[in-house]
Amino acid sequence: MSRSDVSVVRYATPEVLASATADRLVTALADAQSARGVAHVSLTGGTIGGKTLAAVAAAASRDTVDWRRVHFWWSDERFLPTGDPERNATQAQDALLGALDLDVSTVHYPPAVDGPDGDDLDAAAARYAAELLQHGDGAEVPAFDVLLLGMGPDGHVASLFPHHPGLARDESSVVGIRESPKPPPLRVSFTFGAIARARQVWLVAAGAEKAAAVARGVAAGDVAETPAAGVFGTDRTLWLVDEAAAADL
């Protein structure tokens, strides 16, 4: 996929951005179910990610999706105990999942430090990779219908940080991240290879502090400096940003 396939959509405020992204997500998942029977979505955390999920829960169109036929994944997670408020999965449960009629077997929670592998980060990452493989239809990961990504002011996506050794570890779909520059130090993350399997990748960013990184990412900057520059969907790559984050474009 070439950079010519990348689109940028601007919204006036973070609140409008979250609401519009939620509406897009509901439509995309309903369309995926119409085409293929089920949908696979990868969620993200962060402030705008949480606002987006809360907007999905409040959306009038929410029930056009059969949520029992949606497989939920996470592109990265903090390696903390189950239910820790800092975990993306906990935040998603509070913002959206708790409001939906779900099939618990389709909610694929990332590994936690109190899980079957204990504090063995690499074993936990391998276990999540194996679960992805089970649903990959012959590939390492499912072809996610939508893979949502937030982005930090440093240009990181998932837990792929600038100039971090984890950037180069594409031998598996999931990598254990140590010494994360953003607390907590231990995380699990999709690799670039896993992200690249998504039909649509949506990068959602709000705030003036992210404007420089948005500009570098959209302009195909150095991936080592700005990991967001290295993520694409097979069908579509969308940058969904508020006006403040778009200021340097």
C-alpha atoms as a PDB file:
ATOM      1  CA  MET A   1       0.000   0.000   0.000  1.00  0.00           C
ATOM      2  CA  SER A   2       1.385   3.416  -0.917  1.00  0.00           C
ATOM      3  CA  ARG A   3       1.219   6.686   0.924  1.00  0.00           C
ATOM      4  CA  SER A   4      -1.112   7.961  -1.784  1.00  0.00           C
ATOM      5  CA  ASP A   5      -3.780   5.784  -0.162  1.00  0.00           C
ATOM      6  CA  VAL A   6      -3.596   7.699   3.119  1.00  0.00           C
ATOM      7  CA  SER A   7      -6.416  10.131   3.952  1.00  0.00           C
ATOM      8  CA  VAL A   8      -6.615  12.823   6.613  1.00  0.00           C
ATOM      9  CA  VAL A   9      -9.970  13.893   8.042  1.00  0.00           C
ATOM     10  CA  ARG A  10     -10.096  16.912  10.371  1.00  0.00           C
ATOM     11  CA  TYR A  11     -12.652  17.673  13.048  1.00  0.00           C
ATOM     12  CA  ALA A  12     -13.140  20.885  14.987  1.00  0.00           C
ATOM     13  CA  THR A  13     -12.713  19.562  18.527  1.00  0.00           C
ATOM     14  CA  PRO A  14     -11.747  16.364  20.363  1.00  0.00           C
ATOM     15  CA  GLU A  15     -15.396  15.822  21.239  1.00  0.00           C
ATOM     16  CA  VAL A  16     -16.517  16.008  17.606  1.00  0.00           C
ATOM     17  CA  LEU A  17     -13.587  13.778  16.645  1.00  0.00           C
ATOM     18  CA  ALA A  18     -14.611  11.111  19.155  1.00  0.00           C
ATOM     19  CA  SER A  19     -18.264  11.213  18.133  1.00  0.00           C
ATOM     20  CA  ALA A  20     -17.483  11.054  14.404  1.00  0.00           C
ATOM     21  CA  THR A  21     -14.995   8.217  14.886  1.00  0.00           C
ATOM     22  CA  ALA A  22     -17.602   6.308  16.884  1.00  0.00           C
ATOM     23  CA  ASP A  23     -20.148   6.696  14.089  1.00  0.00           C
ATOM     24  CA  ARG A  24     -17.570   5.535  11.531  1.00  0.00           C
ATOM     25  CA  LEU A  25     -16.748   2.514  13.668  1.00  0.00           C
ATOM     26  CA  VAL A  26     -20.357   1.409  14.068  1.00  0.00           C
ATOM     27  CA  THR A  27     -20.880   1.683  10.307  1.00  0.00           C
ATOM     28  CA  ALA A  28     -17.659  -0.184   9.493  1.00  0.00           C
ATOM     29  CA  LEU A  29     -18.483  -3.057  11.847  1.00  0.00           C
ATOM     30  CA  ALA A  30     -22.049  -3.339  10.565  1.00  0.00           C
ATOM     31  CA  ASP A  31     -20.736  -3.402   6.987  1.00  0.00           C
ATOM     32  CA  ALA A  32     -18.161  -6.067   7.891  1.00  0.00           C
ATOM     33  CA  GLN A  33     -20.852  -8.266   9.419  1.00  0.00           C
ATOM     34  CA  SER A  34     -23.012  -7.832   6.345  1.00  0.00           C
ATOM     35  CA  ALA A  35     -20.115  -8.901   4.115  1.00  0.00           C
ATOM     36  CA  ARG A  36     -18.503 -11.630   6.218  1.00  0.00           C
ATOM     37  CA  GLY A  37     -20.836 -12.526   9.083  1.00  0.00           C
ATOM     38  CA  VAL A  38     -18.446 -11.459  11.835  1.00  0.00           C
ATOM     39  CA  ALA A  39     -16.198  -8.469  12.464  1.00  0.00           C
ATOM     40  CA  HIS A  40     -12.777  -8.102  14.029  1.00  0.00           C
ATOM     41  CA  VAL A  41     -11.820  -4.826  15.685  1.00  0.00           C
ATOM     42  CA  SER A  42      -8.659  -3.870  17.541  1.00  0.00           C
ATOM     43  CA  LEU A  43      -9.196  -1.242  20.229  1.00  0.00           C
ATOM     44  CA  THR A  44      -6.851   1.366  21.616  1.00  0.00           C
ATOM     45  CA  GLY A  45      -6.543   3.227  24.881  1.00  0.00           C
ATOM     46  CA  GLY A  46      -5.661   6.788  25.765  1.00  0.00           C
ATOM     47  CA  THR A  47      -7.856   9.816  26.288  1.00  0.00           C
ATOM     48  CA  ILE A  48      -9.298  10.051  22.794  1.00  0.00           C
ATOM     49  CA  GLY A  49      -9.621   6.264  22.568  1.00  0.00           C
ATOM     50  CA  GLY A  50     -11.704   6.219  25.734  1.00  0.00           C
ATOM     51  CA  LYS A  51     -13.874   9.083  24.518  1.00  0.00           C
ATOM     52  CA  THR A  52     -14.456   7.268  21.244  1.00  0.00           C
ATOM     53  CA  LEU A  53     -15.554   4.058  22.969  1.00  0.00           C
ATOM     54  CA  ALA A  54     -17.882   5.997  25.259  1.00  0.00           C
ATOM     55  CA  ALA A  55     -19.347   7.680  22.174  1.00  0.00           C
ATOM     56  CA  VAL A  56     -19.977   4.249  20.619  1.00  0.00           C
ATOM     57  CA  ALA A  57     -21.846   3.207  23.767  1.00  0.00           C
ATOM     58  CA  ALA A  58     -24.011   6.345  23.514  1.00  0.00           C
ATOM     59  CA  ALA A  59     -24.531   6.235  19.727  1.00  0.00           C
ATOM     60  CA  ALA A  60     -28.111   5.973  18.469  1.00  0.00           C
ATOM     61  CA  SER A  61     -26.869   3.615  15.752  1.00  0.00           C
ATOM     62  CA  ARG A  62     -25.122   1.273  18.203  1.00  0.00           C
ATOM     63  CA  ASP A  63     -27.574  -1.576  17.809  1.00  0.00           C
ATOM     64  CA  THR A  64     -27.090  -1.815  14.045  1.00  0.00           C
ATOM     65  CA  VAL A  65     -24.133  -4.005  15.054  1.00  0.00           C
ATOM     66  CA  ASP A  66     -24.639  -7.505  16.439  1.00  0.00           C
ATOM     67  CA  TRP A  67     -22.043  -7.175  19.185  1.00  0.00           C
ATOM     68  CA  ARG A  68     -22.116 -10.909  19.875  1.00  0.00           C
ATOM     69  CA  ARG A  69     -20.492 -11.376  16.465  1.00  0.00           C
ATOM     70  CA  VAL A  70     -17.672  -8.880  17.018  1.00  0.00           C
ATOM     71  CA  HIS A  71     -14.215 -10.127  17.988  1.00  0.00           C
ATOM     72  CA  PHE A  72     -12.456  -7.578  20.187  1.00  0.00           C
ATOM     73  CA  TRP A  73      -8.667  -7.334  20.332  1.00  0.00           C
ATOM     74  CA  TRP A  74      -6.165  -4.809  21.650  1.00  0.00           C
ATOM     75  CA  SER A  75      -3.067  -3.624  19.785  1.00  0.00           C
ATOM     76  CA  ASP A  76      -1.194  -3.165  23.041  1.00  0.00           C
ATOM     77  CA  GLU A  77      -1.611  -3.502  26.772  1.00  0.00           C
ATOM     78  CA  ARG A  78       0.148  -2.676  29.985  1.00  0.00           C
ATOM     79  CA  PHE A  79       1.445  -5.845  31.655  1.00  0.00           C
ATOM     80  CA  LEU A  80      -0.401  -5.282  34.914  1.00  0.00           C
ATOM     81  CA  PRO A  81      -2.948  -7.296  36.936  1.00  0.00           C
ATOM     82  CA  THR A  82      -6.399  -7.948  35.520  1.00  0.00           C
ATOM     83  CA  GLY A  83      -8.723  -5.063  36.315  1.00  0.00           C
ATOM     84  CA  ASP A  84      -5.960  -2.538  36.913  1.00  0.00           C
ATOM     85  CA  PRO A  85      -7.392   0.883  35.996  1.00  0.00           C
ATOM     86  CA  GLU A  86      -4.324   1.618  33.841  1.00  0.00           C
ATOM     87  CA  ARG A  87      -5.029  -1.312  31.526  1.00  0.00           C
ATOM     88  CA  ASN A  88      -6.621  -0.479  28.182  1.00  0.00           C
ATOM     89  CA  ALA A  89      -8.938  -3.472  28.565  1.00  0.00           C
ATOM     90  CA  THR A  90     -10.246  -2.154  31.893  1.00  0.00           C
ATOM     91  CA  GLN A  91     -10.899   1.247  30.388  1.00  0.00           C
ATOM     92  CA  ALA A  92     -12.691  -0.340  27.428  1.00  0.00           C
ATOM     93  CA  GLN A  93     -14.825  -2.406  29.786  1.00  0.00           C
ATOM     94  CA  ASP A  94     -15.869   0.725  31.665  1.00  0.00           C
ATOM     95  CA  ALA A  95     -16.437   2.880  28.566  1.00  0.00           C
ATOM     96  CA  LEU A  96     -18.128   0.400  26.218  1.00  0.00           C
ATOM     97  CA  LEU A  97     -17.999  -3.340  26.739  1.00  0.00           C
ATOM     98  CA  GLY A  98     -19.994  -3.292  29.957  1.00  0.00           C
ATOM     99  CA  ALA A  99     -22.892  -1.685  28.077  1.00  0.00           C
ATOM    100  CA  LEU A 100     -23.060  -4.294  25.316  1.00  0.00           C
ATOM    101  CA  ASP A 101     -24.645  -7.722  24.930  1.00  0.00           C
ATOM    102  CA  LEU A 102     -21.467  -9.695  24.264  1.00  0.00           C
ATOM    103  CA  ASP A 103     -20.331 -13.248  23.717  1.00  0.00           C
ATOM    104  CA  VAL A 104     -17.448 -13.449  26.180  1.00  0.00           C
ATOM    105  CA  SER A 105     -15.641 -15.893  23.900  1.00  0.00           C
ATOM    106  CA  THR A 106     -15.142 -13.137  21.319  1.00  0.00           C
ATOM    107  CA  VAL A 107     -13.484 -10.699  23.731  1.00  0.00           C
ATOM    108  CA  HIS A 108      -9.789 -11.485  23.507  1.00  0.00           C
ATOM    109  CA  TYR A 109      -8.271  -9.790  26.522  1.00  0.00           C
ATOM    110  CA  PRO A 110      -4.512  -9.219  26.329  1.00  0.00           C
ATOM    111  CA  PRO A 111      -2.327 -11.023  28.867  1.00  0.00           C
ATOM    112  CA  ALA A 112      -2.118  -9.794  32.433  1.00  0.00           C
ATOM    113  CA  VAL A 113       0.585 -10.376  35.004  1.00  0.00           C
ATOM    114  CA  ASP A 114      -1.821 -12.545  37.031  1.00  0.00           C
ATOM    115  CA  GLY A 115      -2.620 -14.702  33.987  1.00  0.00           C
ATOM    116  CA  PRO A 116      -1.506 -18.266  33.187  1.00  0.00           C
ATOM    117  CA  ASP A 117       2.062 -17.179  32.422  1.00  0.00           C
ATOM    118  CA  GLY A 118       2.536 -15.129  35.565  1.00  0.00           C
ATOM    119  CA  ASP A 119       5.187 -12.464  35.200  1.00  0.00           C
ATOM    120  CA  ASP A 120       6.861 -14.140  32.201  1.00  0.00           C
ATOM    121  CA  LEU A 121       6.356 -11.357  29.666  1.00  0.00           C
ATOM    122  CA  ASP A 122       7.654 -13.271  26.657  1.00  0.00           C
ATOM    123  CA  ALA A 123       5.462 -16.291  27.381  1.00  0.00           C
ATOM    124  CA  ALA A 124       2.454 -14.013  27.785  1.00  0.00           C
ATOM    125  CA  ALA A 125       3.173 -12.310  24.449  1.00  0.00           C
ATOM    126  CA  ALA A 126       3.528 -15.721  22.782  1.00  0.00           C
ATOM    127  CA  ARG A 127       0.193 -16.832  24.250  1.00  0.00           C
ATOM    128  CA  TYR A 128      -1.574 -13.783  22.779  1.00  0.00           C
ATOM    129  CA  ALA A 129       0.125 -14.413  19.437  1.00  0.00           C
ATOM    130  CA  ALA A 130      -1.158 -18.007  19.512  1.00  0.00           C
ATOM    131  CA  GLU A 131      -4.703 -16.768  20.160  1.00  0.00           C
ATOM    132  CA  LEU A 132      -4.454 -14.394  17.210  1.00  0.00           C
ATOM    133  CA  LEU A 133      -3.205 -17.259  15.030  1.00  0.00           C
ATOM    134  CA  GLN A 134      -6.281 -19.330  15.903  1.00  0.00           C
ATOM    135  CA  HIS A 135      -8.457 -16.650  14.311  1.00  0.00           C
ATOM    136  CA  GLY A 136      -6.157 -15.713  11.443  1.00  0.00           C
ATOM    137  CA  ASP A 137      -7.699 -17.926   8.757  1.00  0.00           C
ATOM    138  CA  GLY A 138      -4.279 -19.181   7.759  1.00  0.00           C
ATOM    139  CA  ALA A 139      -2.415 -15.973   8.646  1.00  0.00           C
ATOM    140  CA  GLU A 140      -0.716 -14.985  11.890  1.00  0.00           C
ATOM    141  CA  VAL A 141      -3.501 -12.566  12.797  1.00  0.00           C
ATOM    142  CA  PRO A 142      -7.059 -11.862  11.657  1.00  0.00           C
ATOM    143  CA  ALA A 143      -7.595  -9.316   8.892  1.00  0.00           C
ATOM    144  CA  PHE A 144      -8.960  -6.736  11.331  1.00  0.00           C
ATOM    145  CA  ASP A 145     -11.857  -4.824   9.827  1.00  0.00           C
ATOM    146  CA  VAL A 146     -10.770  -1.775  11.818  1.00  0.00           C
ATOM    147  CA  LEU A 147      -7.607  -1.359  13.845  1.00  0.00           C
ATOM    148  CA  LEU A 148      -7.769   1.769  15.978  1.00  0.00           C
ATOM    149  CA  LEU A 149      -4.534   3.419  17.060  1.00  0.00           C
ATOM    150  CA  GLY A 150      -3.916   6.401  19.258  1.00  0.00           C
ATOM    151  CA  MET A 151      -0.636   8.245  18.960  1.00  0.00           C
ATOM    152  CA  GLY A 152       1.586   9.858  21.548  1.00  0.00           C
ATOM    153  CA  PRO A 153       3.291  13.244  21.150  1.00  0.00           C
ATOM    154  CA  ASP A 154       6.493  11.309  20.397  1.00  0.00           C
ATOM    155  CA  GLY A 155       4.789   9.539  17.482  1.00  0.00           C
ATOM    156  CA  HIS A 156       4.489   6.143  19.154  1.00  0.00           C
ATOM    157  CA  VAL A 157       1.600   3.822  18.288  1.00  0.00           C
ATOM    158  CA  ALA A 158       0.522   0.746  20.251  1.00  0.00           C
ATOM    159  CA  SER A 159       3.647   0.238  22.417  1.00  0.00           C
ATOM    160  CA  LEU A 160       6.059   0.791  19.547  1.00  0.00           C
ATOM    161  CA  PHE A 161       8.199   3.685  20.734  1.00  0.00           C
ATOM    162  CA  PRO A 162      10.781   5.748  18.827  1.00  0.00           C
ATOM    163  CA  HIS A 163      14.237   4.146  18.654  1.00  0.00           C
ATOM    164  CA  HIS A 164      13.102   1.284  20.920  1.00  0.00           C
ATOM    165  CA  PRO A 165      14.359  -2.281  20.257  1.00  0.00           C
ATOM    166  CA  GLY A 166      10.744  -3.464  20.007  1.00  0.00           C
ATOM    167  CA  LEU A 167      10.401  -1.669  16.671  1.00  0.00           C
ATOM    168  CA  ALA A 168      12.584  -4.234  14.925  1.00  0.00           C
ATOM    169  CA  ARG A 169      11.032  -7.360  16.420  1.00  0.00           C
ATOM    170  CA  ASP A 170       8.695  -8.526  13.674  1.00  0.00           C
ATOM    171  CA  GLU A 171       9.389 -12.233  14.062  1.00  0.00           C
ATOM    172  CA  SER A 172       6.003 -12.625  15.744  1.00  0.00           C
ATOM    173  CA  SER A 173       2.704 -10.769  15.712  1.00  0.00           C
ATOM    174  CA  VAL A 174       3.078  -9.784  19.373  1.00  0.00           C
ATOM    175  CA  VAL A 175       6.164  -8.557  21.173  1.00  0.00           C
ATOM    176  CA  GLY A 176       6.948  -8.129  24.852  1.00  0.00           C
ATOM    177  CA  ILE A 177       8.140  -4.573  25.488  1.00  0.00           C
ATOM    178  CA  ARG A 178      10.613  -3.928  28.283  1.00  0.00           C
ATOM    179  CA  GLU A 179      11.881  -0.568  29.521  1.00  0.00           C
ATOM    180  CA  SER A 180       9.039   1.328  27.919  1.00  0.00           C
ATOM    181  CA  PRO A 181       9.860   5.057  27.996  1.00  0.00           C
ATOM    182  CA  LYS A 182       6.291   5.621  29.159  1.00  0.00           C
ATOM    183  CA  PRO A 183       5.228   3.898  32.415  1.00  0.00           C
ATOM    184  CA  PRO A 184       4.641   1.105  33.142  1.00  0.00           C
ATOM    185  CA  PRO A 185       7.862  -0.421  31.805  1.00  0.00           C
ATOM    186  CA  LEU A 186       6.402  -3.806  30.786  1.00  0.00           C
ATOM    187  CA  ARG A 187       3.880  -4.070  27.964  1.00  0.00           C
ATOM    188  CA  VAL A 188       2.712  -6.336  25.165  1.00  0.00           C
ATOM    189  CA  SER A 189       2.236  -4.905  21.687  1.00  0.00           C
ATOM    190  CA  PHE A 190       1.331  -5.821  18.151  1.00  0.00           C
ATOM    191  CA  THR A 191       4.276  -5.560  15.775  1.00  0.00           C
ATOM    192  CA  PHE A 192       4.211  -3.613  12.514  1.00  0.00           C
ATOM    193  CA  GLY A 193       3.547  -6.921  10.753  1.00  0.00           C
ATOM    194  CA  ALA A 194       0.388  -7.574  12.755  1.00  0.00           C
ATOM    195  CA  ILE A 195      -0.909  -4.046  12.213  1.00  0.00           C
ATOM    196  CA  ALA A 196      -0.287  -4.348   8.477  1.00  0.00           C
ATOM    197  CA  ARG A 197      -2.871  -7.171   8.252  1.00  0.00           C
ATOM    198  CA  ALA A 198      -5.727  -4.798   9.079  1.00  0.00           C
ATOM    199  CA  ARG A 199      -8.134  -3.870   6.324  1.00  0.00           C
ATOM    200  CA  GLN A 200      -8.451  -0.390   7.770  1.00  0.00           C
ATOM    201  CA  VAL A 201      -6.048   1.360  10.129  1.00  0.00           C
ATOM    202  CA  TRP A 202      -7.368   4.497  11.799  1.00  0.00           C
ATOM    203  CA  LEU A 203      -4.912   6.756  13.615  1.00  0.00           C
ATOM    204  CA  VAL A 204      -6.849   9.010  15.977  1.00  0.00           C
ATOM    205  CA  ALA A 205      -5.079  12.018  17.491  1.00  0.00           C
ATOM    206  CA  ALA A 206      -6.132  15.177  19.285  1.00  0.00           C
ATOM    207  CA  GLY A 207      -4.222  18.096  20.774  1.00  0.00           C
ATOM    208  CA  ALA A 208      -1.599  20.621  19.729  1.00  0.00           C
ATOM    209  CA  GLU A 209       1.147  18.626  21.449  1.00  0.00           C
ATOM    210  CA  LYS A 210       0.704  15.945  18.754  1.00  0.00           C
ATOM    211  CA  ALA A 211       0.773  18.264  15.732  1.00  0.00           C
ATOM    212  CA  ALA A 212       4.458  17.785  14.885  1.00  0.00           C
ATOM    213  CA  ALA A 213       4.202  13.980  15.093  1.00  0.00           C
ATOM    214  CA  VAL A 214       1.024  13.952  12.991  1.00  0.00           C
ATOM    215  CA  ALA A 215       2.809  15.947  10.295  1.00  0.00           C
ATOM    216  CA  ARG A 216       5.817  13.605  10.317  1.00  0.00           C
ATOM    217  CA  GLY A 217       3.592  10.541  10.185  1.00  0.00           C
ATOM    218  CA  VAL A 218       1.385  11.756   7.351  1.00  0.00           C
ATOM    219  CA  ALA A 219       4.479  12.856   5.400  1.00  0.00           C
ATOM    220  CA  ALA A 220       6.049   9.363   5.634  1.00  0.00           C
ATOM    221  CA  GLY A 221       8.788  10.421   8.005  1.00  0.00           C
ATOM    222  CA  ASP A 222      11.472   8.241   9.549  1.00  0.00           C
ATOM    223  CA  VAL A 223       9.746   5.253  11.187  1.00  0.00           C
ATOM    224  CA  ALA A 224      12.459   4.955  13.835  1.00  0.00           C
ATOM    225  CA  GLU A 225      11.764   8.541  14.841  1.00  0.00           C
ATOM    226  CA  THR A 226       7.989   8.425  14.330  1.00  0.00           C
ATOM    227  CA  PRO A 227       6.587   4.867  14.437  1.00  0.00           C
ATOM    228  CA  ALA A 228       3.179   6.140  13.344  1.00  0.00           C
ATOM    229  CA  ALA A 229       4.732   6.742   9.921  1.00  0.00           C
ATOM    230  CA  GLY A 230       5.059   2.982   9.445  1.00  0.00           C
ATOM    231  CA  VAL A 231       1.484   1.767   9.892  1.00  0.00           C
ATOM    232  CA  PHE A 232      -0.945   1.100   7.043  1.00  0.00           C
ATOM    233  CA  GLY A 233      -4.137  -0.780   6.328  1.00  0.00           C
ATOM    234  CA  THR A 234      -4.473  -3.062   3.327  1.00  0.00           C
ATOM    235  CA  ASP A 235      -7.587  -1.209   2.106  1.00  0.00           C
ATOM    236  CA  ARG A 236      -7.501   2.137   3.862  1.00  0.00           C
ATOM    237  CA  THR A 237      -5.409   4.239   6.211  1.00  0.00           C
ATOM    238  CA  LEU A 238      -7.166   7.132   7.909  1.00  0.00           C
ATOM    239  CA  TRP A 239      -5.727   9.878  10.066  1.00  0.00           C
ATOM    240  CA  LEU A 240      -8.651  11.192  12.122  1.00  0.00           C
ATOM    241  CA  VAL A 241      -7.495  14.349  13.880  1.00  0.00           C
ATOM    242  CA  ASP A 242      -8.804  17.469  15.516  1.00  0.00           C
ATOM    243  CA  GLU A 243      -7.788  20.895  14.233  1.00  0.00           C
ATOM    244  CA  ALA A 244      -5.141  21.325  16.910  1.00  0.00           C
ATOM    245  CA  ALA A 245      -3.409  18.068  15.953  1.00  0.00           C
ATOM    246  CA  ALA A 246      -3.623  19.038  12.266  1.00  0.00           C
ATOM    247  CA  ALA A 247      -1.972  22.418  12.780  1.00  0.00           C
ATOM    248  CA  ASP A 248       1.340  21.468  11.119  1.00  0.00           C
ATOM    249  CA  LEU A 249      -0.129  19.754   8.067  1.00  0.00           C
END
